[in-house]
Protein backbone atom coordinates (compact mmCIF):
# COMPACT_ATOMS: atom_id res chain seq x y z
CA UNK A 1 -0.30 -0.09 0.08
CA UNK A 2 1.36 3.42 -1.09
CA UNK A 3 1.46 5.88 1.86
CA UNK A 4 1.81 9.18 2.74
CA UNK A 5 4.79 9.86 5.34
CA UNK A 6 3.98 12.34 7.89
CA UNK A 7 7.52 12.95 9.03
CA UNK A 8 6.23 13.31 12.70
CA UNK A 9 8.37 11.66 15.15
CA UNK A 10 6.94 8.14 15.59
CA UNK A 11 3.20 9.13 14.03
CA UNK A 12 4.23 7.47 10.94
CA UNK A 13 5.44 4.24 13.62
CA UNK A 14 2.20 4.11 15.31
CA UNK A 15 0.04 3.92 12.05
CA UNK A 16 2.29 1.59 10.99
CA UNK A 17 4.05 3.12 7.94
CA UNK A 18 2.26 6.31 7.69
CA UNK A 19 -1.13 7.08 6.16
CA UNK A 20 -2.39 5.62 3.34
CA UNK A 21 -2.26 7.52 0.55
CA UNK A 22 -5.14 8.99 -1.37
CA UNK A 23 -7.45 8.98 1.98
CA UNK A 24 -9.52 11.23 3.76
CA UNK A 25 -8.46 12.04 7.17
CA UNK A 26 -10.41 14.17 10.12
CA UNK A 27 -8.20 16.02 12.66
CA UNK A 28 -11.05 16.65 15.53
CA UNK A 29 -10.32 18.16 18.87
CA UNK A 30 -11.37 21.33 21.22
CA UNK A 31 -9.42 24.60 20.77
CA UNK A 32 -6.13 24.53 21.42
CA UNK A 33 -5.61 20.74 21.13
CA UNK A 34 -3.12 21.23 18.48
CA UNK A 35 -4.85 20.64 15.28
CA UNK A 36 -3.40 23.27 12.92
CA UNK A 37 -0.20 22.58 14.17
CA UNK A 38 -0.43 18.99 13.97
CA UNK A 39 -1.59 19.40 10.24
CA UNK A 40 0.71 21.99 9.20
CA UNK A 41 3.53 19.77 10.53
CA UNK A 42 2.64 17.36 8.21
CA UNK A 43 2.61 19.56 4.92
CA UNK A 44 5.80 20.89 5.73
CA UNK A 45 7.25 17.80 5.87
CA UNK A 46 6.07 16.41 2.98
CA UNK A 47 6.65 19.72 1.35
CA UNK A 48 10.52 19.01 1.90
CA UNK A 49 10.34 15.81 0.52
CA UNK A 50 8.63 17.34 -2.88
CA UNK A 51 4.87 16.81 -2.26
CA UNK A 52 2.84 20.05 -2.90
CA UNK A 53 0.09 20.87 -0.71
CA UNK A 54 -3.19 23.18 -0.51
CA UNK A 55 -4.46 24.85 2.30
CA UNK A 56 -7.82 25.77 2.09
CA UNK A 57 -8.88 28.08 5.45
CA UNK A 58 -12.83 28.61 6.36
CA UNK A 59 -12.28 31.25 8.58
CA UNK A 60 -11.31 34.01 6.67
CA UNK A 61 -7.66 33.60 8.68
CA UNK A 62 -5.16 35.29 6.47
CA UNK A 63 -1.97 33.89 4.95
CA UNK A 64 0.41 36.56 6.72
CA UNK A 65 -1.32 35.16 10.13
CA UNK A 66 -1.08 31.65 9.95
CA UNK A 67 2.43 32.43 8.72
CA UNK A 68 3.14 34.69 11.45
CA UNK A 69 2.31 31.63 13.96
CA UNK A 70 4.24 29.24 12.31
CA UNK A 71 7.71 30.98 11.93
CA UNK A 72 8.82 29.45 15.33
CA UNK A 73 8.56 26.18 14.69
CA UNK A 74 11.82 24.10 12.94
CA UNK A 75 9.79 22.43 10.18
CA UNK A 76 8.47 25.71 8.80
CA UNK A 77 10.36 27.59 5.73
CA UNK A 78 9.18 30.78 3.91
CA UNK A 79 11.10 28.92 0.85
CA UNK A 80 8.14 26.83 0.42
CA UNK A 81 5.37 29.14 0.07
CA UNK A 82 3.76 29.48 -2.68
CA UNK A 83 5.69 26.69 -4.70
CA UNK A 84 5.53 23.57 -2.39
CA UNK A 85 2.74 24.92 0.18
CA UNK A 86 -0.45 27.52 -0.98
CA UNK A 87 -2.97 28.93 0.78
CA UNK A 88 -6.76 29.70 -0.18
CA UNK A 89 -9.64 30.95 1.31
CA UNK A 90 -12.55 28.55 0.79
CA UNK A 91 -14.61 30.09 3.59
CA UNK A 92 -15.14 33.24 1.30
CA UNK A 93 -16.27 32.23 -1.54
CA UNK A 94 -18.95 29.56 0.76
CA UNK A 95 -19.94 32.59 2.38
CA UNK A 96 -20.60 34.92 -0.69
CA UNK A 97 -21.88 32.32 -3.38
CA UNK A 98 -22.63 28.85 -1.89
CA UNK A 99 -22.03 25.48 -1.61
CA UNK A 100 -22.29 24.97 -5.08
CA UNK A 101 -19.63 27.83 -5.82
CA UNK A 102 -17.40 26.56 -3.08
CA UNK A 103 -16.89 23.09 -4.59
CA UNK A 104 -15.92 24.59 -8.20
CA UNK A 105 -13.87 26.73 -6.19
CA UNK A 106 -12.13 23.58 -4.41
CA UNK A 107 -11.92 22.05 -8.24
CA UNK A 108 -10.12 25.16 -9.74
CA UNK A 109 -7.46 25.05 -7.23
CA UNK A 110 -7.08 21.29 -7.42
CA UNK A 111 -6.77 21.78 -11.31
CA UNK A 112 -4.37 25.10 -11.29
CA UNK A 113 -1.93 23.65 -8.61
CA UNK A 114 -1.93 19.84 -8.91
CA UNK A 115 -1.22 18.96 -5.35
CA UNK A 116 -0.66 15.39 -3.37
CA UNK A 117 -2.37 17.14 0.14
CA UNK A 118 -5.61 18.91 0.64
CA UNK A 119 -6.27 20.72 3.69
CA UNK A 120 -9.54 22.35 4.54
CA UNK A 121 -9.60 24.21 8.26
CA UNK A 122 -12.33 24.26 9.67
CA UNK A 123 -14.95 22.12 8.39
CA UNK A 124 -16.85 22.57 11.31
CA UNK A 125 -17.50 26.25 10.38
CA UNK A 126 -18.92 25.35 7.03
CA UNK A 127 -21.73 23.39 9.07
CA UNK A 128 -22.82 27.12 9.89
CA UNK A 129 -23.61 28.00 6.93
CA UNK A 130 -25.98 25.57 5.65
CA UNK A 131 -30.14 26.04 7.19
CA UNK A 132 -30.00 22.03 8.45
CA UNK A 133 -28.15 18.38 8.64
CA UNK A 134 -29.48 17.30 5.40
CA UNK A 135 -28.33 20.05 3.27
CA UNK A 136 -24.92 20.12 5.25
CA UNK A 137 -24.46 16.20 4.42
CA UNK A 138 -25.52 16.44 0.72
CA UNK A 139 -21.78 18.81 0.41
CA UNK A 140 -19.91 16.98 2.81
CA UNK A 141 -20.73 13.56 0.47
CA UNK A 142 -20.51 16.10 -2.37
CA UNK A 143 -16.97 17.54 -1.25
CA UNK A 144 -15.50 14.03 -0.55
CA UNK A 145 -16.66 12.87 -4.31
CA UNK A 146 -14.45 15.85 -5.78
CA UNK A 147 -11.44 14.40 -3.19
CA UNK A 148 -11.79 11.10 -4.40
CA UNK A 149 -11.51 12.29 -8.29
CA UNK A 150 -8.04 13.59 -7.73
CA UNK A 151 -4.69 11.24 -6.54
CA UNK A 152 -5.09 13.60 -3.29
CA UNK A 153 -4.54 12.89 0.48
CA UNK A 154 -7.05 14.90 2.22
CA UNK A 155 -7.57 16.55 5.56
CA UNK A 156 -10.42 17.76 7.32
CA UNK A 157 -9.62 19.78 10.48
CA UNK A 158 -12.61 20.50 13.15
CA UNK A 159 -13.65 21.42 16.37
CA UNK A 160 -15.56 18.42 17.55
CA UNK A 161 -15.85 17.36 20.93
CA UNK A 162 -15.63 13.07 21.27
CA UNK A 163 -19.44 12.99 21.50
CA UNK A 164 -19.81 14.31 18.09
CA UNK A 165 -17.07 11.74 16.27
CA UNK A 166 -20.01 8.76 16.64
CA UNK A 167 -23.46 10.89 15.34
CA UNK A 168 -22.21 13.81 12.89
CA UNK A 169 -22.60 13.13 9.05
CA UNK A 170 -18.71 14.11 8.20
CA UNK A 171 -17.62 11.31 10.25
CA UNK A 172 -19.21 8.72 8.00
CA UNK A 173 -16.91 9.79 4.92
CA UNK A 174 -13.90 9.51 6.50
CA UNK A 175 -10.64 7.13 6.27
CA UNK A 176 -8.90 7.76 8.82
CA UNK A 177 -10.04 9.75 12.01
CA UNK A 178 -7.37 11.38 14.85
CA UNK A 179 -8.87 12.91 17.85
CA UNK A 180 -6.41 15.55 19.51
CA UNK A 181 -7.08 16.34 23.80
CA UNK A 182 -5.68 18.00 26.64
CA UNK A 183 -5.74 17.05 30.02
CA UNK A 184 -4.73 19.45 32.88
CA UNK A 185 -2.78 18.40 35.66
CA UNK A 186 -1.38 19.90 38.99
CA UNK A 187 1.58 20.39 37.34
CA UNK A 188 1.46 21.00 33.69
CA UNK A 189 -1.14 20.33 30.90
CA UNK A 190 -0.95 16.78 28.57
CA UNK A 191 -1.71 16.21 25.04
CA UNK A 192 -3.21 13.18 24.01
CA UNK A 193 -4.07 11.74 20.60
CA UNK A 194 -6.09 8.54 19.63
CA UNK A 195 -6.05 7.38 16.23
CA UNK A 196 -10.27 6.00 15.85
CA UNK A 197 -9.93 4.88 12.71
CA UNK A 198 -8.00 4.22 9.17
CA UNK A 199 -8.83 2.36 7.00
CA UNK A 200 -7.22 -0.76 5.11
CA UNK A 201 -4.51 -0.27 7.40
CA UNK A 202 -3.94 -1.34 10.91
CA UNK A 203 -2.20 1.04 13.73
CA UNK A 204 -1.77 1.16 17.47
CA UNK A 205 -4.60 1.67 19.64
CA UNK A 206 -5.29 3.69 22.54
CA UNK A 207 -3.71 7.20 24.58
CA UNK A 208 -0.64 8.21 23.01
CA UNK A 209 1.36 11.44 24.51
CA UNK A 210 2.17 14.15 22.15
CA UNK A 211 4.10 17.95 23.02
CA UNK A 212 4.59 20.75 20.70
CA UNK A 213 7.84 22.29 20.62
CA UNK A 214 10.25 24.16 18.62
CA UNK A 215 11.09 21.26 16.50
CA UNK A 216 6.81 21.00 16.09
CA UNK A 217 5.03 17.93 16.96
CA UNK A 218 6.67 14.87 18.78
CA UNK A 219 4.71 11.61 19.79
CA UNK A 220 5.04 9.30 22.76
CA UNK A 221 3.35 6.40 21.80
CA UNK A 222 1.63 3.83 24.74
CA UNK A 223 3.74 0.98 25.93
CA UNK A 224 1.85 -1.61 24.52
CA UNK A 225 3.01 -5.58 25.52
CA UNK A 226 0.69 -7.58 23.58
CA UNK A 227 1.20 -10.39 21.17
CA UNK A 228 4.57 -10.93 19.94
CA UNK A 229 6.13 -8.63 22.44
CA UNK A 230 5.45 -10.58 25.13
CA UNK A 231 7.65 -13.13 23.52
CA UNK A 232 11.61 -13.07 23.89
CA UNK A 233 14.38 -15.40 24.44
CA UNK A 234 15.54 -15.99 27.52
CA UNK A 235 20.03 -15.97 28.04
CA UNK A 236 21.95 -17.60 29.95
CA UNK A 237 24.26 -15.54 30.14
CA UNK A 238 25.44 -14.07 33.81
CA UNK A 239 25.85 -10.24 34.59
CA UNK A 240 28.24 -10.17 37.93
CA UNK A 241 28.08 -7.23 40.41
CA UNK A 242 31.78 -7.13 41.26
CA UNK A 243 30.81 -7.63 44.57
CA UNK A 244 32.32 -11.27 45.82
CA UNK A 245 29.91 -12.34 48.37
CA UNK A 246 26.92 -10.91 46.62
CA UNK A 247 27.41 -13.05 43.28
CA UNK A 248 28.29 -15.77 45.56
CA UNK A 249 24.69 -15.71 46.86
CA UNK A 250 23.25 -15.19 43.23
CA UNK A 251 25.29 -18.17 42.14
CA UNK A 252 27.63 -16.02 39.84
CA UNK A 253 25.75 -13.20 39.41
CA UNK A 254 22.01 -12.08 37.64
CA UNK A 255 20.94 -13.88 34.68
CA UNK A 256 20.85 -11.91 31.52
CA UNK A 257 18.05 -9.82 30.58
CA UNK A 258 16.52 -10.34 33.88
CA UNK A 259 14.88 -7.53 36.38
CA UNK A 260 16.15 -6.84 40.17
CA UNK A 261 14.66 -4.93 42.65
CA UNK A 262 16.87 -3.72 45.29
CA UNK A 263 14.56 -2.86 48.50
CA UNK A 264 15.87 -1.18 51.13
CA UNK A 265 15.63 1.45 53.86
CA UNK A 266 16.97 4.93 53.41
CA UNK A 267 20.97 5.20 53.88
CA UNK A 268 21.21 1.18 53.07
CA UNK A 269 22.89 1.81 50.45
CA UNK A 270 20.68 0.52 47.31
CA UNK A 271 22.19 3.31 44.97
CA UNK A 272 25.68 2.06 45.51
CA UNK A 273 25.08 -1.58 44.67
CA UNK A 274 23.36 -0.30 41.72
CA UNK A 275 25.82 2.02 40.78
CA UNK A 276 28.58 -1.18 41.22
CA UNK A 277 26.73 -2.90 39.15
CA UNK A 278 27.21 -0.63 36.29
CA UNK A 279 31.05 -0.36 37.07
CA UNK A 280 31.20 -3.44 36.40
CA UNK A 281 29.75 -3.77 33.34
CA UNK A 282 31.88 -0.79 31.83
CA UNK A 283 35.55 -2.73 33.13
CA UNK A 284 33.71 -5.65 31.06
CA UNK A 285 33.17 -3.52 27.83
CA UNK A 286 29.25 -3.24 28.40
CA UNK A 287 27.35 0.00 28.44
CA UNK A 288 25.37 1.17 31.32
CA UNK A 289 22.99 3.92 31.81
CA UNK A 290 22.13 5.02 35.47
CA UNK A 291 18.80 7.09 35.82
CA UNK A 292 18.57 9.27 38.83
CA UNK A 293 15.37 10.52 40.41
CA UNK A 294 16.78 11.60 42.96
CA UNK A 295 21.18 12.06 43.14
CA UNK A 296 22.88 14.79 40.96
CA UNK A 297 26.02 13.27 38.77
CA UNK A 298 28.16 15.02 40.76
CA UNK A 299 27.39 13.70 43.80
CA UNK A 300 26.91 10.35 42.26
CA UNK A 301 30.55 10.64 41.29
CA UNK A 302 31.99 12.07 44.59
CA UNK A 303 30.32 9.18 46.23
CA UNK A 304 31.73 6.34 43.85
CA UNK A 305 35.45 7.80 43.83
CA UNK A 306 35.48 7.40 48.12
CA UNK A 307 34.87 4.11 47.39
CA UNK A 308 37.66 3.71 45.23
CA UNK A 309 35.71 3.05 41.56
CA UNK A 310 36.88 4.12 38.54
CA UNK A 311 33.66 5.78 37.55
CA UNK A 312 35.34 9.24 35.68
CA UNK A 313 37.19 6.88 33.20
CA UNK A 314 34.15 4.98 32.42
CA UNK A 315 32.05 8.03 31.93
CA UNK A 316 34.70 9.60 29.71
CA UNK A 317 35.08 6.74 27.69
CA UNK A 318 31.44 6.67 27.13
CA UNK A 319 30.56 2.94 28.86
CA UNK A 320 28.68 4.81 31.44
CA UNK A 321 26.28 7.63 30.89
CA UNK A 322 24.64 8.91 34.06
CA UNK A 323 21.56 11.09 33.81
CA UNK A 324 19.45 12.99 36.24
CA UNK A 325 15.81 13.36 36.42
CA UNK A 326 14.33 15.80 38.42
CA UNK A 327 11.20 13.63 39.74
CA UNK A 328 8.54 16.64 39.50
CA UNK A 329 9.14 17.22 35.83
CA UNK A 330 9.23 13.60 35.22
CA UNK A 331 6.10 12.63 32.65
CA UNK A 332 5.62 9.16 32.97
CA UNK A 333 3.98 8.86 28.95
CA UNK A 334 7.00 10.04 27.06
CA UNK A 335 9.75 8.85 29.96
CA UNK A 336 9.26 4.81 28.67
CA UNK A 337 9.62 5.75 25.35
CA UNK A 338 12.63 7.88 25.59
CA UNK A 339 14.23 5.66 27.74
CA UNK A 340 14.16 2.72 24.86
CA UNK A 341 15.00 5.54 22.66
CA UNK A 342 18.37 5.68 24.29
CA UNK A 343 19.17 1.46 25.29
CA UNK A 344 18.62 1.51 21.30
CA UNK A 345 20.46 4.02 19.87
CA UNK A 346 23.26 3.49 22.85
CA UNK A 347 23.47 -0.39 22.75
CA UNK A 348 23.03 -0.67 26.48
CA UNK A 349 23.06 -3.44 28.22
CA UNK A 350 22.80 -2.50 31.45
CA UNK A 351 20.41 0.37 32.71
CA UNK A 352 19.51 1.44 36.43
CA UNK A 353 16.47 3.41 37.43
CA UNK A 354 17.27 4.57 41.14
CA UNK A 355 14.56 5.11 42.64
CA UNK A 356 11.15 3.76 41.90
CA UNK A 357 10.01 5.00 44.78
CA UNK A 358 10.74 8.96 43.15
CA UNK A 359 9.30 7.82 40.02
CA UNK A 360 6.18 6.66 41.97
CA UNK A 361 5.69 10.06 43.84
CA UNK A 362 5.10 11.78 40.49
CA UNK A 363 2.34 9.92 39.26
CA UNK A 364 -1.17 10.67 40.45
CA UNK A 365 -2.69 7.69 38.42
CA UNK A 366 -1.00 4.56 40.67
CA UNK A 367 -2.82 1.97 37.95
CA UNK A 368 -1.06 4.01 35.23
CA UNK A 369 2.23 3.62 37.10
CA UNK A 370 2.31 -0.22 37.25
CA UNK A 371 0.73 -0.87 34.11
CA UNK A 372 4.32 1.49 32.72
CA UNK A 373 6.54 -0.75 34.94
CA UNK A 374 4.92 -3.95 33.59
CA UNK A 375 5.25 -2.67 30.12
CA UNK A 376 8.77 -1.64 29.96
CA UNK A 377 10.01 -4.45 32.24
CA UNK A 378 8.84 -6.45 28.85
CA UNK A 379 10.46 -4.40 26.68
CA UNK A 380 13.75 -4.05 28.20
CA UNK A 381 13.48 -8.35 28.76
CA UNK A 382 13.23 -8.52 24.82
CA UNK A 383 15.59 -6.50 24.58
CA UNK A 384 18.14 -8.77 26.77
CA UNK A 385 18.50 -5.80 28.88
CA UNK A 386 19.99 -6.12 32.36
CA UNK A 387 17.68 -3.66 34.73
CA UNK A 388 18.32 -3.11 38.50
CA UNK A 389 15.49 -1.03 39.70
CA UNK A 390 15.60 0.39 43.64
CA UNK A 391 13.23 0.96 45.92
CA UNK A 392 12.53 2.91 49.31
CA UNK A 393 11.16 0.88 52.25
CA UNK A 394 10.32 3.69 54.82
CA UNK A 395 10.32 1.58 57.64
CA UNK A 396 14.09 0.89 59.03
CA UNK A 397 13.59 -1.77 61.06
CA UNK A 398 10.34 -3.26 59.43
CA UNK A 399 10.51 -7.15 58.87
CA UNK A 400 10.81 -8.18 55.51
CA UNK A 401 8.48 -5.44 53.58
CA UNK A 402 10.02 -5.42 49.66
CA UNK A 403 7.09 -2.87 48.49
CA UNK A 404 4.21 -1.63 49.18
CA UNK A 405 3.46 -0.92 45.31
CA UNK A 406 3.38 -4.40 44.44
CA UNK A 407 6.43 -4.21 42.69
CA UNK A 408 7.51 -7.48 42.98
CA UNK A 409 5.06 -9.16 40.72
CA UNK A 410 7.33 -7.49 37.42
CA UNK A 411 10.20 -8.46 39.06
CA UNK A 412 12.58 -11.42 38.12
CA UNK A 413 14.90 -10.87 41.32
CA UNK A 414 14.97 -9.22 44.71
CA UNK A 415 17.49 -8.16 46.79
CA UNK A 416 16.22 -6.56 50.46
CA UNK A 417 18.87 -4.34 52.03
CA UNK A 418 18.12 -4.01 55.58
CA UNK A 419 19.13 -2.55 59.26
CA UNK A 420 19.06 -4.66 62.29
CA UNK A 421 19.90 -3.73 66.08
CA UNK A 422 23.06 -5.59 68.05
CA UNK A 423 23.58 -5.06 71.13
CA UNK A 424 22.99 -0.93 70.88
CA UNK A 425 24.52 -1.22 67.64
CA UNK A 426 22.70 -0.66 64.09
CA UNK A 427 24.40 -3.57 61.49
CA UNK A 428 23.19 -3.66 57.41
CA UNK A 429 22.32 -7.33 56.26
CA UNK A 430 21.13 -7.91 52.59
CA UNK A 431 19.48 -10.92 51.42
CA UNK A 432 18.29 -12.56 48.32
CA UNK A 433 14.60 -12.95 48.50
CA UNK A 434 13.76 -13.94 45.09
CA UNK A 435 15.85 -15.82 41.62
CA UNK A 436 13.75 -16.14 39.10
CA UNK A 437 15.16 -19.27 36.98
CA UNK A 438 18.03 -19.71 39.21
CA UNK A 439 19.04 -20.99 42.50
CA UNK A 440 20.85 -19.13 44.90
CA UNK A 441 22.18 -18.22 48.80
CA UNK A 442 18.79 -18.03 51.39
CA UNK A 443 20.96 -16.72 53.84
CA UNK A 444 21.43 -13.03 55.41
CA UNK A 445 24.77 -11.60 55.43
CA UNK A 446 26.29 -8.83 57.14
CA UNK A 447 27.77 -5.72 54.42
CA UNK A 448 29.88 -2.65 54.87
CA UNK A 449 31.16 0.18 52.86
CA UNK A 450 35.22 0.96 52.58
CA UNK A 451 37.71 2.81 50.85
CA UNK A 452 37.74 0.04 48.76
CA UNK A 453 34.21 -0.57 47.92
CA UNK A 454 32.01 -2.75 49.37
CA UNK A 455 32.35 -5.55 51.46
CA UNK A 456 29.62 -8.59 51.73
CA UNK A 457 30.77 -10.64 55.53
CA UNK A 458 29.61 -13.17 57.28
CA UNK A 459 26.08 -15.11 57.77
CA UNK A 460 23.98 -13.31 60.38
CA UNK A 461 24.67 -15.27 63.64
CA UNK A 462 21.39 -14.54 65.40
CA UNK A 463 18.21 -15.28 63.95
CA UNK A 464 16.18 -13.11 66.97
CA UNK A 465 18.13 -10.13 64.75
CA UNK A 466 15.13 -9.84 62.43
CA UNK A 467 12.19 -7.99 64.51
């Protein structure tokens, strides 16, 4: 099937390669949802590839005003105006001369310019020019017939609420329907897109986040572990921490491509265990990424130096990358896709997210948070990325609580770090609670931090120390 490539980041992926050529598509949404920028982004991207677009307004918005609103976007280019992007005013003809003359004007413009793409913005405004639904329906069907005669991909833009999409006549003629909408959250506004219909091709259903920025539109497809995406090869290789006692407890390290949860109270060293795992990989030539939601990069570097680790060397060589992300500004909908982009681009084999607890605090919808973790977990397994998630246990001397968010359900391995009291002193102990597909040491062992790194000591000698 021939397709129109939109050129919008990740949109063609959602559409299975692009919009079917010569289709009639409706871009719907409330005011401010991004409809006009969305379609302008598509036509300018295609203009750079040699395709011609005819953009017809129905609200008498001047070309000068339209261009002024687009000048700050990178996709816009003055050089394409009048040649590859042509503007016209269909609304003035419809208001002064009627529907028949309006269709004649459209036909004449198509004959004169021979465009590959035609946009009518806004088709909803045309409704007000007709006395009743029957007359408008007749016009819209004739409009569709005119467009179908030519080899044109058409876009009809309109300010429609979601409940109108199933009952208005213009949606019956559409081959594709894109619905854009926004949601107000406490910290910022979010914009979403759903592809409700696309004849002749498969596409990704559901809610996809998109953002409007200097480059134009960026789409972040929802994570969807379905069908083939739930299948992945299991590898039997091991990824070591480089901490002798811990690797022994894990029977040689973590199985490749698994997800490990390190749970512990504040100060137990979750971050340092996870960072040491990446440094061990870097020493073996494996690339790793550390995503921190708590400690800035400089602080992590200083702590690693105090433990005698050569972190600066691996950062300079590009074997290790540390990214600090403020949980206040975190957007869970786009974050997952950005992680997978980084992993693919840098060929990452080891990943740390520190901590999932900070991540959780930034999400208002706990179900969305759990769905995110499940989906990204499946994607990471498919890519054979060995991953560590750290999580805070807020009870310093609690029983063996792993997490209050049921994160253990999505993980393959669980390592617990905790404090115990012994003769009026505080000691740190670790244990391996779970390793999927592998045996592990069931004992609890004391550990300490020293200028030489992390030392795992002997077994816990008193069972009643677990209170």
